[in-house]
C-alpha atoms as a PDB file:
ATOM      1  CA  MET A   1     -44.175  15.480  -1.794  1.00  0.00           C
ATOM      2  CA  ASP A   2     -46.425  15.073  -4.858  1.00  0.00           C
ATOM      3  CA  LEU A   3     -45.943  12.626  -7.707  1.00  0.00           C
ATOM      4  CA  GLN A   4     -44.394  15.226 -10.011  1.00  0.00           C
ATOM      5  CA  ALA A   5     -41.780  16.152  -7.401  1.00  0.00           C
ATOM      6  CA  LEU A   6     -40.956  12.467  -6.895  1.00  0.00           C
ATOM      7  CA  GLN A   7     -40.547  12.013 -10.646  1.00  0.00           C
ATOM      8  CA  ASP A   8     -38.208  15.019 -10.698  1.00  0.00           C
ATOM      9  CA  VAL A   9     -36.098  13.431  -7.948  1.00  0.00           C
ATOM     10  CA  LEU A  10     -35.852  10.129  -9.827  1.00  0.00           C
ATOM     11  CA  ALA A  11     -35.021  11.943 -13.060  1.00  0.00           C
ATOM     12  CA  HIS A  12     -32.198  13.773 -11.270  1.00  0.00           C
ATOM     13  CA  ILE A  13     -30.782  10.520  -9.880  1.00  0.00           C
ATOM     14  CA  ARG A  14     -31.206   8.371 -12.991  1.00  0.00           C
ATOM     15  CA  PRO A  15     -28.155   8.169 -15.326  1.00  0.00           C
ATOM     16  CA  THR A  16     -28.538  10.021 -18.621  1.00  0.00           C
ATOM     17  CA  VAL A  17     -26.924   9.461 -22.009  1.00  0.00           C
ATOM     18  CA  MET A  18     -24.315  12.173 -22.586  1.00  0.00           C
ATOM     19  CA  PHE A  19     -23.132  11.206 -26.077  1.00  0.00           C
ATOM     20  CA  TYR A  20     -22.503   8.234 -28.338  1.00  0.00           C
ATOM     21  CA  LEU A  21     -19.317   6.466 -29.422  1.00  0.00           C
ATOM     22  CA  GLY A  22     -20.680   5.007 -32.617  1.00  0.00           C
ATOM     23  CA  PRO A  23     -23.663   2.888 -31.524  1.00  0.00           C
ATOM     24  CA  ILE A  24     -22.479   2.778 -27.895  1.00  0.00           C
ATOM     25  CA  PRO A  25     -24.196   5.229 -25.516  1.00  0.00           C
ATOM     26  CA  VAL A  26     -21.930   6.885 -22.949  1.00  0.00           C
ATOM     27  CA  THR A  27     -23.911   7.727 -19.823  1.00  0.00           C
ATOM     28  CA  SER A  28     -23.334  10.318 -17.129  1.00  0.00           C
ATOM     29  CA  THR A  29     -22.124   7.469 -14.906  1.00  0.00           C
ATOM     30  CA  VAL A  30     -19.228   6.742 -17.250  1.00  0.00           C
ATOM     31  CA  VAL A  31     -18.370  10.418 -17.697  1.00  0.00           C
ATOM     32  CA  ASN A  32     -18.453  11.035 -13.945  1.00  0.00           C
ATOM     33  CA  THR A  33     -16.217   8.020 -13.382  1.00  0.00           C
ATOM     34  CA  TRP A  34     -13.700   9.398 -15.889  1.00  0.00           C
ATOM     35  CA  ILE A  35     -13.762  12.746 -14.103  1.00  0.00           C
ATOM     36  CA  ILE A  36     -13.070  11.112 -10.736  1.00  0.00           C
ATOM     37  CA  MET A  37     -10.242   9.094 -12.290  1.00  0.00           C
ATOM     38  CA  ALA A  38      -8.816  12.283 -13.809  1.00  0.00           C
ATOM     39  CA  ILE A  39      -8.744  13.747 -10.294  1.00  0.00           C
ATOM     40  CA  LEU A  40      -7.562  10.646  -8.448  1.00  0.00           C
ATOM     41  CA  LEU A  41      -4.734   9.444 -10.724  1.00  0.00           C
ATOM     42  CA  PRO A  42      -2.696  12.694 -10.749  1.00  0.00           C
ATOM     43  CA  LEU A  43      -3.295  13.054  -7.011  1.00  0.00           C
ATOM     44  CA  ALA A  44      -1.994   9.532  -6.377  1.00  0.00           C
ATOM     45  CA  TYR A  45       1.017  10.194  -8.619  1.00  0.00           C
ATOM     46  CA  ILE A  46       1.897  13.416  -6.814  1.00  0.00           C
ATOM     47  CA  ILE A  47       1.603  11.827  -3.364  1.00  0.00           C
ATOM     48  CA  SER A  48       3.619   8.755  -4.404  1.00  0.00           C
ATOM     49  CA  LYS A  49       6.430  10.960  -5.745  1.00  0.00           C
ATOM     50  CA  ARG A  50       6.768  12.825  -2.461  1.00  0.00           C
ATOM     51  CA  LEU A  51       7.012   9.894  -0.052  1.00  0.00           C
ATOM     52  CA  ASN A  52       9.377  10.233   2.892  1.00  0.00           C
ATOM     53  CA  LEU A  53      10.670   7.724   5.405  1.00  0.00           C
ATOM     54  CA  VAL A  54       9.091   9.825   8.153  1.00  0.00           C
ATOM     55  CA  PRO A  55       5.536  10.677   7.014  1.00  0.00           C
ATOM     56  CA  HIS A  56       4.448  14.285   7.007  1.00  0.00           C
ATOM     57  CA  GLY A  57       1.671  16.341   5.455  1.00  0.00           C
ATOM     58  CA  ALA A  58      -0.643  14.600   3.017  1.00  0.00           C
ATOM     59  CA  GLN A  59       1.426  11.400   3.266  1.00  0.00           C
ATOM     60  CA  HIS A  60      -0.231  10.647   6.622  1.00  0.00           C
ATOM     61  CA  VAL A  61      -3.538   9.817   4.900  1.00  0.00           C
ATOM     62  CA  PRO A  62      -2.319   6.951   2.670  1.00  0.00           C
ATOM     63  CA  GLU A  63      -0.065   5.776   5.515  1.00  0.00           C
ATOM     64  CA  LEU A  64      -3.078   5.463   7.830  1.00  0.00           C
ATOM     65  CA  ILE A  65      -5.072   3.608   5.170  1.00  0.00           C
ATOM     66  CA  ALA A  66      -2.174   1.242   4.451  1.00  0.00           C
ATOM     67  CA  ASP A  67      -1.593   0.560   8.161  1.00  0.00           C
ATOM     68  CA  PHE A  68      -5.285  -0.135   8.731  1.00  0.00           C
ATOM     69  CA  PHE A  69      -5.572  -2.642   5.901  1.00  0.00           C
ATOM     70  CA  ASN A  70      -2.181  -4.221   6.647  1.00  0.00           C
ATOM     71  CA  ASN A  71      -3.334  -4.895  10.209  1.00  0.00           C
ATOM     72  CA  LEU A  72      -6.637  -6.224   8.931  1.00  0.00           C
ATOM     73  CA  LEU A  73      -4.902  -8.510   6.422  1.00  0.00           C
ATOM     74  CA  ASP A  74      -2.463  -9.705   9.103  1.00  0.00           C
ATOM     75  CA  GLU A  75      -5.336 -10.687  11.389  1.00  0.00           C
ATOM     76  CA  THR A  76      -7.570 -12.180   8.700  1.00  0.00           C
ATOM     77  CA  VAL A  77      -5.243 -13.733   6.144  1.00  0.00           C
ATOM     78  CA  GLY A  78      -1.868 -13.846   7.923  1.00  0.00           C
ATOM     79  CA  LYS A  79       1.430 -12.085   7.305  1.00  0.00           C
ATOM     80  CA  LYS A  80       1.412 -13.063   3.634  1.00  0.00           C
ATOM     81  CA  GLY A  81      -1.873 -11.220   3.334  1.00  0.00           C
ATOM     82  CA  ARG A  82      -0.047  -7.912   3.007  1.00  0.00           C
ATOM     83  CA  LYS A  83       0.632  -8.638  -0.651  1.00  0.00           C
ATOM     84  CA  TYR A  84      -3.086  -8.117  -1.270  1.00  0.00           C
ATOM     85  CA  LEU A  85      -2.902  -4.543   0.040  1.00  0.00           C
ATOM     86  CA  PRO A  86      -2.734  -2.998  -3.481  1.00  0.00           C
ATOM     87  CA  LEU A  87      -6.018  -4.688  -4.405  1.00  0.00           C
ATOM     88  CA  VAL A  88      -7.895  -3.941  -1.191  1.00  0.00           C
ATOM     89  CA  GLY A  89      -6.485  -0.431  -0.782  1.00  0.00           C
ATOM     90  CA  THR A  90      -7.229   0.510  -4.394  1.00  0.00           C
ATOM     91  CA  LEU A  91     -10.821  -0.710  -4.085  1.00  0.00           C
ATOM     92  CA  PHE A  92     -11.305   1.312  -0.913  1.00  0.00           C
ATOM     93  CA  ILE A  93      -9.835   4.559  -2.256  1.00  0.00           C
ATOM     94  CA  PHE A  94     -11.500   4.347  -5.681  1.00  0.00           C
ATOM     95  CA  ILE A  95     -14.951   3.526  -4.283  1.00  0.00           C
ATOM     96  CA  LEU A  96     -14.542   6.225  -1.632  1.00  0.00           C
ATOM     97  CA  PHE A  97     -13.780   8.870  -4.266  1.00  0.00           C
ATOM     98  CA  LEU A  98     -16.725   7.693  -6.370  1.00  0.00           C
ATOM     99  CA  ASN A  99     -19.008   7.862  -3.331  1.00  0.00           C
ATOM    100  CA  PHE A 100     -17.840  11.399  -2.574  1.00  0.00           C
ATOM    101  CA  ALA A 101     -18.437  12.557  -6.152  1.00  0.00           C
ATOM    102  CA  TRP A 102     -21.681  14.223  -5.105  1.00  0.00           C
ATOM    103  CA  PHE A 103     -19.620  16.964  -3.438  1.00  0.00           C
ATOM    104  CA  ILE A 104     -18.823  18.142  -6.979  1.00  0.00           C
ATOM    105  CA  PRO A 105     -21.782  20.372  -7.986  1.00  0.00           C
ATOM    106  CA  GLY A 106     -24.118  18.684 -10.435  1.00  0.00           C
ATOM    107  CA  MET A 107     -22.364  15.311 -10.293  1.00  0.00           C
ATOM    108  CA  MET A 108     -24.039  12.047  -9.340  1.00  0.00           C
ATOM    109  CA  PRO A 109     -21.871   9.415  -7.601  1.00  0.00           C
ATOM    110  CA  PRO A 110     -21.255   6.595 -10.108  1.00  0.00           C
ATOM    111  CA  THR A 111     -21.941   4.121  -7.299  1.00  0.00           C
ATOM    112  CA  THR A 112     -25.622   5.104  -7.403  1.00  0.00           C
ATOM    113  CA  ASP A 113     -25.737   3.234 -10.734  1.00  0.00           C
ATOM    114  CA  LEU A 114     -26.089  -0.552 -10.485  1.00  0.00           C
ATOM    115  CA  SER A 115     -23.905  -1.036 -13.573  1.00  0.00           C
ATOM    116  CA  THR A 116     -20.945   0.477 -11.692  1.00  0.00           C
ATOM    117  CA  THR A 117     -21.364  -1.535  -8.508  1.00  0.00           C
ATOM    118  CA  LEU A 118     -21.977  -4.734 -10.474  1.00  0.00           C
ATOM    119  CA  ALA A 119     -18.781  -4.151 -12.467  1.00  0.00           C
ATOM    120  CA  PHE A 120     -16.841  -3.655  -9.226  1.00  0.00           C
ATOM    121  CA  ALA A 121     -18.338  -6.819  -7.761  1.00  0.00           C
ATOM    122  CA  LEU A 122     -17.707  -9.007 -10.814  1.00  0.00           C
ATOM    123  CA  VAL A 123     -14.089  -7.870 -11.232  1.00  0.00           C
ATOM    124  CA  THR A 124     -13.425  -8.310  -7.512  1.00  0.00           C
ATOM    125  CA  ILE A 125     -14.897 -11.797  -7.336  1.00  0.00           C
ATOM    126  CA  VAL A 126     -13.012 -12.919 -10.468  1.00  0.00           C
ATOM    127  CA  ILE A 127      -9.752 -11.663  -8.932  1.00  0.00           C
ATOM    128  CA  VAL A 128     -10.575 -13.474  -5.684  1.00  0.00           C
ATOM    129  CA  GLN A 129     -11.096 -16.716  -7.632  1.00  0.00           C
ATOM    130  CA  LEU A 130      -7.724 -16.261  -9.348  1.00  0.00           C
ATOM    131  CA  ILE A 131      -6.101 -15.674  -5.960  1.00  0.00           C
ATOM    132  CA  GLY A 132      -7.808 -18.836  -4.732  1.00  0.00           C
ATOM    133  CA  VAL A 133      -6.217 -20.819  -7.548  1.00  0.00           C
ATOM    134  CA  LYS A 134      -2.786 -19.196  -7.347  1.00  0.00           C
ATOM    135  CA  ASP A 135      -2.341 -19.015  -3.575  1.00  0.00           C
ATOM    136  CA  GLY A 136      -4.846 -21.578  -2.368  1.00  0.00           C
ATOM    137  CA  GLY A 137      -3.035 -24.721  -3.455  1.00  0.00           C
ATOM    138  CA  GLY A 138      -3.536 -24.663  -7.208  1.00  0.00           C
ATOM    139  CA  ILE A 139      -6.551 -25.993  -9.072  1.00  0.00           C
ATOM    140  CA  LYS A 140      -6.889 -28.970  -6.722  1.00  0.00           C
ATOM    141  CA  GLY A 141      -6.785 -26.826  -3.598  1.00  0.00           C
ATOM    142  CA  TYR A 142      -9.232 -24.381  -5.140  1.00  0.00           C
ATOM    143  CA  ILE A 143     -11.741 -27.132  -5.960  1.00  0.00           C
ATOM    144  CA  MET A 144     -11.316 -28.817  -2.568  1.00  0.00           C
ATOM    145  CA  HIS A 145     -12.184 -25.509  -0.913  1.00  0.00           C
ATOM    146  CA  PHE A 146     -15.781 -25.991  -2.031  1.00  0.00           C
ATOM    147  CA  PHE A 147     -15.975 -29.365  -0.272  1.00  0.00           C
ATOM    148  CA  GLN A 148     -15.063 -27.899   3.121  1.00  0.00           C
ATOM    149  CA  PRO A 149     -15.896 -28.482   5.913  1.00  0.00           C
ATOM    150  CA  ASN A 150     -18.136 -31.271   4.618  1.00  0.00           C
ATOM    151  CA  PRO A 151     -18.430 -32.648   1.053  1.00  0.00           C
ATOM    152  CA  ALA A 152     -22.218 -32.488   1.372  1.00  0.00           C
ATOM    153  CA  LEU A 153     -21.930 -28.699   1.483  1.00  0.00           C
ATOM    154  CA  PHE A 154     -20.478 -28.482  -2.048  1.00  0.00           C
ATOM    155  CA  PRO A 155     -23.729 -27.246  -3.664  1.00  0.00           C
ATOM    156  CA  LEU A 156     -24.213 -24.592  -0.974  1.00  0.00           C
ATOM    157  CA  ASN A 157     -20.590 -23.460  -1.223  1.00  0.00           C
ATOM    158  CA  MET A 158     -20.886 -23.119  -4.994  1.00  0.00           C
ATOM    159  CA  LEU A 159     -24.165 -21.235  -4.661  1.00  0.00           C
ATOM    160  CA  SER A 160     -22.594 -18.922  -2.075  1.00  0.00           C
ATOM    161  CA  GLU A 161     -19.742 -18.104  -4.460  1.00  0.00           C
ATOM    162  CA  LEU A 162     -22.162 -17.362  -7.300  1.00  0.00           C
ATOM    163  CA  VAL A 163     -24.252 -15.081  -5.095  1.00  0.00           C
ATOM    164  CA  LYS A 164     -21.291 -13.000  -3.894  1.00  0.00           C
ATOM    165  CA  PRO A 165     -21.224 -10.605  -6.906  1.00  0.00           C
ATOM    166  CA  VAL A 166     -24.950  -9.979  -6.515  1.00  0.00           C
ATOM    167  CA  SER A 167     -24.609  -9.361  -2.786  1.00  0.00           C
ATOM    168  CA  LEU A 168     -21.598  -7.058  -3.178  1.00  0.00           C
ATOM    169  CA  SER A 169     -23.128  -4.996  -5.967  1.00  0.00           C
ATOM    170  CA  LEU A 170     -26.614  -4.648  -4.469  1.00  0.00           C
ATOM    171  CA  ARG A 171     -25.291  -3.722  -1.017  1.00  0.00           C
ATOM    172  CA  LEU A 172     -23.192  -0.854  -2.340  1.00  0.00           C
ATOM    173  CA  TYR A 173     -25.760   0.265  -4.906  1.00  0.00           C
ATOM    174  CA  ALA A 174     -28.777   0.161  -2.575  1.00  0.00           C
ATOM    175  CA  ASN A 175     -27.060   2.102   0.192  1.00  0.00           C
ATOM    176  CA  MET A 176     -25.626   4.792  -2.077  1.00  0.00           C
ATOM    177  CA  PHE A 177     -28.792   5.127  -4.175  1.00  0.00           C
ATOM    178  CA  GLY A 178     -30.931   5.314  -1.048  1.00  0.00           C
ATOM    179  CA  GLU A 179     -28.640   7.862   0.579  1.00  0.00           C
ATOM    180  CA  LYS A 180     -28.592  10.073  -2.521  1.00  0.00           C
ATOM    181  CA  THR A 181     -32.372   9.843  -2.843  1.00  0.00           C
ATOM    182  CA  VAL A 182     -32.831  10.923   0.775  1.00  0.00           C
ATOM    183  CA  VAL A 183     -30.352  13.764   0.273  1.00  0.00           C
ATOM    184  CA  THR A 184     -32.187  15.025  -2.799  1.00  0.00           C
ATOM    185  CA  VAL A 185     -35.584  14.855  -1.096  1.00  0.00           C
ATOM    186  CA  LEU A 186     -34.280  16.680   1.989  1.00  0.00           C
ATOM    187  CA  PHE A 187     -32.818  19.451  -0.145  1.00  0.00           C
ATOM    188  CA  LEU A 188     -36.168  19.872  -1.870  1.00  0.00           C
ATOM    189  CA  MET A 189     -38.141  19.905   1.385  1.00  0.00           C
ATOM    190  CA  ILE A 190     -35.859  21.968   3.651  1.00  0.00           C
ATOM    191  CA  PRO A 191     -33.163  23.526   1.455  1.00  0.00           C
ATOM    192  CA  PHE A 192     -31.910  25.979   4.075  1.00  0.00           C
ATOM    193  CA  LEU A 193     -31.652  23.643   7.068  1.00  0.00           C
ATOM    194  CA  SER A 194     -30.552  20.333   5.530  1.00  0.00           C
ATOM    195  CA  PRO A 195     -27.106  20.973   3.934  1.00  0.00           C
ATOM    196  CA  VAL A 196     -24.844  20.485   6.997  1.00  0.00           C
ATOM    197  CA  PRO A 197     -26.396  17.293   8.442  1.00  0.00           C
ATOM    198  CA  VAL A 198     -26.884  15.912   4.948  1.00  0.00           C
ATOM    199  CA  MET A 199     -23.223  16.485   4.085  1.00  0.00           C
ATOM    200  CA  LEU A 200     -22.185  14.741   7.302  1.00  0.00           C
ATOM    201  CA  LEU A 201     -24.491  11.854   6.441  1.00  0.00           C
ATOM    202  CA  GLY A 202     -22.984  11.665   2.955  1.00  0.00           C
ATOM    203  CA  ILE A 203     -19.429  11.552   4.333  1.00  0.00           C
ATOM    204  CA  ILE A 204     -20.274   8.820   6.833  1.00  0.00           C
ATOM    205  CA  MET A 205     -22.222   6.708   4.334  1.00  0.00           C
ATOM    206  CA  GLY A 206     -19.595   7.048   1.614  1.00  0.00           C
ATOM    207  CA  LEU A 207     -16.815   6.041   3.998  1.00  0.00           C
ATOM    208  CA  VAL A 208     -18.748   3.139   5.519  1.00  0.00           C
ATOM    209  CA  GLN A 209     -19.776   1.656   2.162  1.00  0.00           C
ATOM    210  CA  ALA A 210     -16.252   1.841   0.740  1.00  0.00           C
ATOM    211  CA  LEU A 211     -14.955   0.214   3.920  1.00  0.00           C
ATOM    212  CA  VAL A 212     -17.583  -2.548   3.881  1.00  0.00           C
ATOM    213  CA  PHE A 213     -16.801  -3.448   0.263  1.00  0.00           C
ATOM    214  CA  SER A 214     -13.078  -3.670   1.060  1.00  0.00           C
ATOM    215  CA  LEU A 215     -13.644  -5.659   4.272  1.00  0.00           C
ATOM    216  CA  LEU A 216     -15.777  -8.199   2.429  1.00  0.00           C
ATOM    217  CA  THR A 217     -13.050  -8.532  -0.206  1.00  0.00           C
ATOM    218  CA  VAL A 218     -10.542  -9.321   2.563  1.00  0.00           C
ATOM    219  CA  ILE A 219     -12.912 -11.916   4.023  1.00  0.00           C
ATOM    220  CA  TYR A 220     -13.403 -13.547   0.619  1.00  0.00           C
ATOM    221  CA  ILE A 221      -9.632 -13.740   0.088  1.00  0.00           C
ATOM    222  CA  ALA A 222      -9.140 -15.176   3.575  1.00  0.00           C
ATOM    223  CA  SER A 223     -11.708 -17.892   2.879  1.00  0.00           C
ATOM    224  CA  PHE A 224      -9.391 -19.257   0.169  1.00  0.00           C
ATOM    225  CA  VAL A 225      -5.883 -18.613   1.495  1.00  0.00           C
ATOM    226  CA  GLY A 226      -6.248 -17.656   5.165  1.00  0.00           C
ATOM    227  CA  GLU A 227      -5.378 -21.084   6.494  1.00  0.00           C
ATOM    228  CA  GLN A 228      -2.734 -22.065   3.944  1.00  0.00           C
END
């Protein structure tokens, strides 16, 4: 692939400014996120309004997701961990839908933009800190957490907490950006043979990355309240 073709690939992947709200530029990432939300919110409302005691039809999907994360929270945090299901489940479903946005013709997954993944990471870590204060023994228990298992580890524990947003955002961004770049290159090189395996790769990668983000959130919560 020559330099011009590579530049075309990067131009296709890079977010573009769609319009301005006053001096604020609104990029394709923001617009695509709104579109996914416009699809996801009515879908969630419809499914939630048709819940039955005995699951059937489309209800099986959210039931399976809820059961999976409830079991995970039970094992990692304890029985009280189930109250964090709305947070963990919402992160998983929202990120999954964003990852799968590339199935909509002409749309780039918002998670291929570092600003999106960083926003997810920052909001998640802030919520985890608030959970640590609320359910981890108050301010005192929250502060003491950083002195465990040895007071000498306080600087490392603080550094680890500060690095978490960077780690979360870069992991999701790098995997989704890399996957989308590979997909685009494959389509350019072998357009007639690549669609099926590439689509399978996209499904697997999108699912895995949404799952990893949610699993790490559970682990971070458990580190504060898992032994309370």
